[in-house]
Amino acid sequence: MTKEDLLSLIENKRSELILIGSKYGLSSPLALERSQELDMLLNQYDRYSVPEELVNS
């Protein structure tokens, strides 16, 4: 997966979270699930920013 693919997924997940949060509240189980999914995508994206030497040490 490319960095651009991840950015697109992140934006889509963020939009989903905003819609769900406004409809059901940010503490709803569905919003919490989407928030965790967004966190995972953001963590994956962050790995692209870390130099390879630090990842393997």
C-alpha atoms as a PDB file:
ATOM      1  CA  MET A   1       0.000   0.000   0.000  1.00  0.00           C
ATOM      2  CA  THR A   2       1.372   3.396  -0.929  1.00  0.00           C
ATOM      3  CA  LYS A   3       1.485   6.470   1.261  1.00  0.00           C
ATOM      4  CA  GLU A   4      -1.132   8.078  -1.001  1.00  0.00           C
ATOM      5  CA  ASP A   5      -3.437   5.060  -0.599  1.00  0.00           C
ATOM      6  CA  LEU A   6      -3.155   5.371   3.169  1.00  0.00           C
ATOM      7  CA  LEU A   7      -3.932   9.090   3.044  1.00  0.00           C
ATOM      8  CA  SER A   8      -7.079   8.351   1.071  1.00  0.00           C
ATOM      9  CA  LEU A   9      -8.153   5.653   3.546  1.00  0.00           C
ATOM     10  CA  ILE A  10      -7.440   8.012   6.448  1.00  0.00           C
ATOM     11  CA  GLU A  11      -9.583  10.769   4.961  1.00  0.00           C
ATOM     12  CA  ASN A  12     -12.438   8.341   4.268  1.00  0.00           C
ATOM     13  CA  LYS A  13     -12.274   6.892   7.776  1.00  0.00           C
ATOM     14  CA  ARG A  14     -12.147  10.394   9.284  1.00  0.00           C
ATOM     15  CA  SER A  15     -15.270  11.358   7.310  1.00  0.00           C
ATOM     16  CA  GLU A  16     -17.038   8.215   8.513  1.00  0.00           C
ATOM     17  CA  LEU A  17     -16.114   9.007  12.095  1.00  0.00           C
ATOM     18  CA  ILE A  18     -17.423  12.565  11.826  1.00  0.00           C
ATOM     19  CA  LEU A  19     -20.748  11.385  10.387  1.00  0.00           C
ATOM     20  CA  ILE A  20     -21.174   8.645  12.979  1.00  0.00           C
ATOM     21  CA  GLY A  21     -20.111  10.949  15.799  1.00  0.00           C
ATOM     22  CA  SER A  22     -22.606  13.619  14.808  1.00  0.00           C
ATOM     23  CA  LYS A  23     -25.416  11.081  14.515  1.00  0.00           C
ATOM     24  CA  TYR A  24     -24.741   8.755  17.470  1.00  0.00           C
ATOM     25  CA  GLY A  25     -22.211  10.644  19.601  1.00  0.00           C
ATOM     26  CA  LEU A  26     -18.470  10.203  19.825  1.00  0.00           C
ATOM     27  CA  SER A  27     -18.735   7.772  22.726  1.00  0.00           C
ATOM     28  CA  SER A  28     -21.041   5.387  20.862  1.00  0.00           C
ATOM     29  CA  PRO A  29     -19.665   1.892  20.225  1.00  0.00           C
ATOM     30  CA  LEU A  30     -19.703   2.484  16.463  1.00  0.00           C
ATOM     31  CA  ALA A  31     -17.777   5.753  16.778  1.00  0.00           C
ATOM     32  CA  LEU A  32     -15.235   4.126  19.087  1.00  0.00           C
ATOM     33  CA  GLU A  33     -14.742   1.317  16.572  1.00  0.00           C
ATOM     34  CA  ARG A  34     -14.181   3.789  13.731  1.00  0.00           C
ATOM     35  CA  SER A  35     -11.834   5.803  15.929  1.00  0.00           C
ATOM     36  CA  GLN A  36      -9.720   2.717  16.598  1.00  0.00           C
ATOM     37  CA  GLU A  37      -9.656   1.926  12.876  1.00  0.00           C
ATOM     38  CA  LEU A  38      -8.533   5.494  12.172  1.00  0.00           C
ATOM     39  CA  ASP A  39      -5.817   5.174  14.831  1.00  0.00           C
ATOM     40  CA  MET A  40      -4.506   2.030  13.151  1.00  0.00           C
ATOM     41  CA  LEU A  41      -4.373   3.761   9.770  1.00  0.00           C
ATOM     42  CA  LEU A  42      -2.605   6.773  11.284  1.00  0.00           C
ATOM     43  CA  ASN A  43      -0.051   4.475  12.922  1.00  0.00           C
ATOM     44  CA  GLN A  44       0.591   2.800   9.577  1.00  0.00           C
ATOM     45  CA  TYR A  45       1.037   6.206   7.978  1.00  0.00           C
ATOM     46  CA  ASP A  46       3.475   7.258  10.695  1.00  0.00           C
ATOM     47  CA  ARG A  47       5.642   4.248   9.885  1.00  0.00           C
ATOM     48  CA  TYR A  48       6.300   5.805   6.473  1.00  0.00           C
ATOM     49  CA  SER A  49       7.830   8.818   8.228  1.00  0.00           C
ATOM     50  CA  VAL A  50      10.211   6.874  10.480  1.00  0.00           C
ATOM     51  CA  PRO A  51      13.678   6.202   9.049  1.00  0.00           C
ATOM     52  CA  GLU A  52      14.239   2.504   8.284  1.00  0.00           C
ATOM     53  CA  GLU A  53      17.176   2.327  10.739  1.00  0.00           C
ATOM     54  CA  LEU A  54      14.876   3.188  13.635  1.00  0.00           C
ATOM     55  CA  VAL A  55      12.206   0.664  12.617  1.00  0.00           C
ATOM     56  CA  ASN A  56      14.681  -2.220  12.606  1.00  0.00           C
ATOM     57  CA  SER A  57      16.549  -1.333  15.794  1.00  0.00           C
END
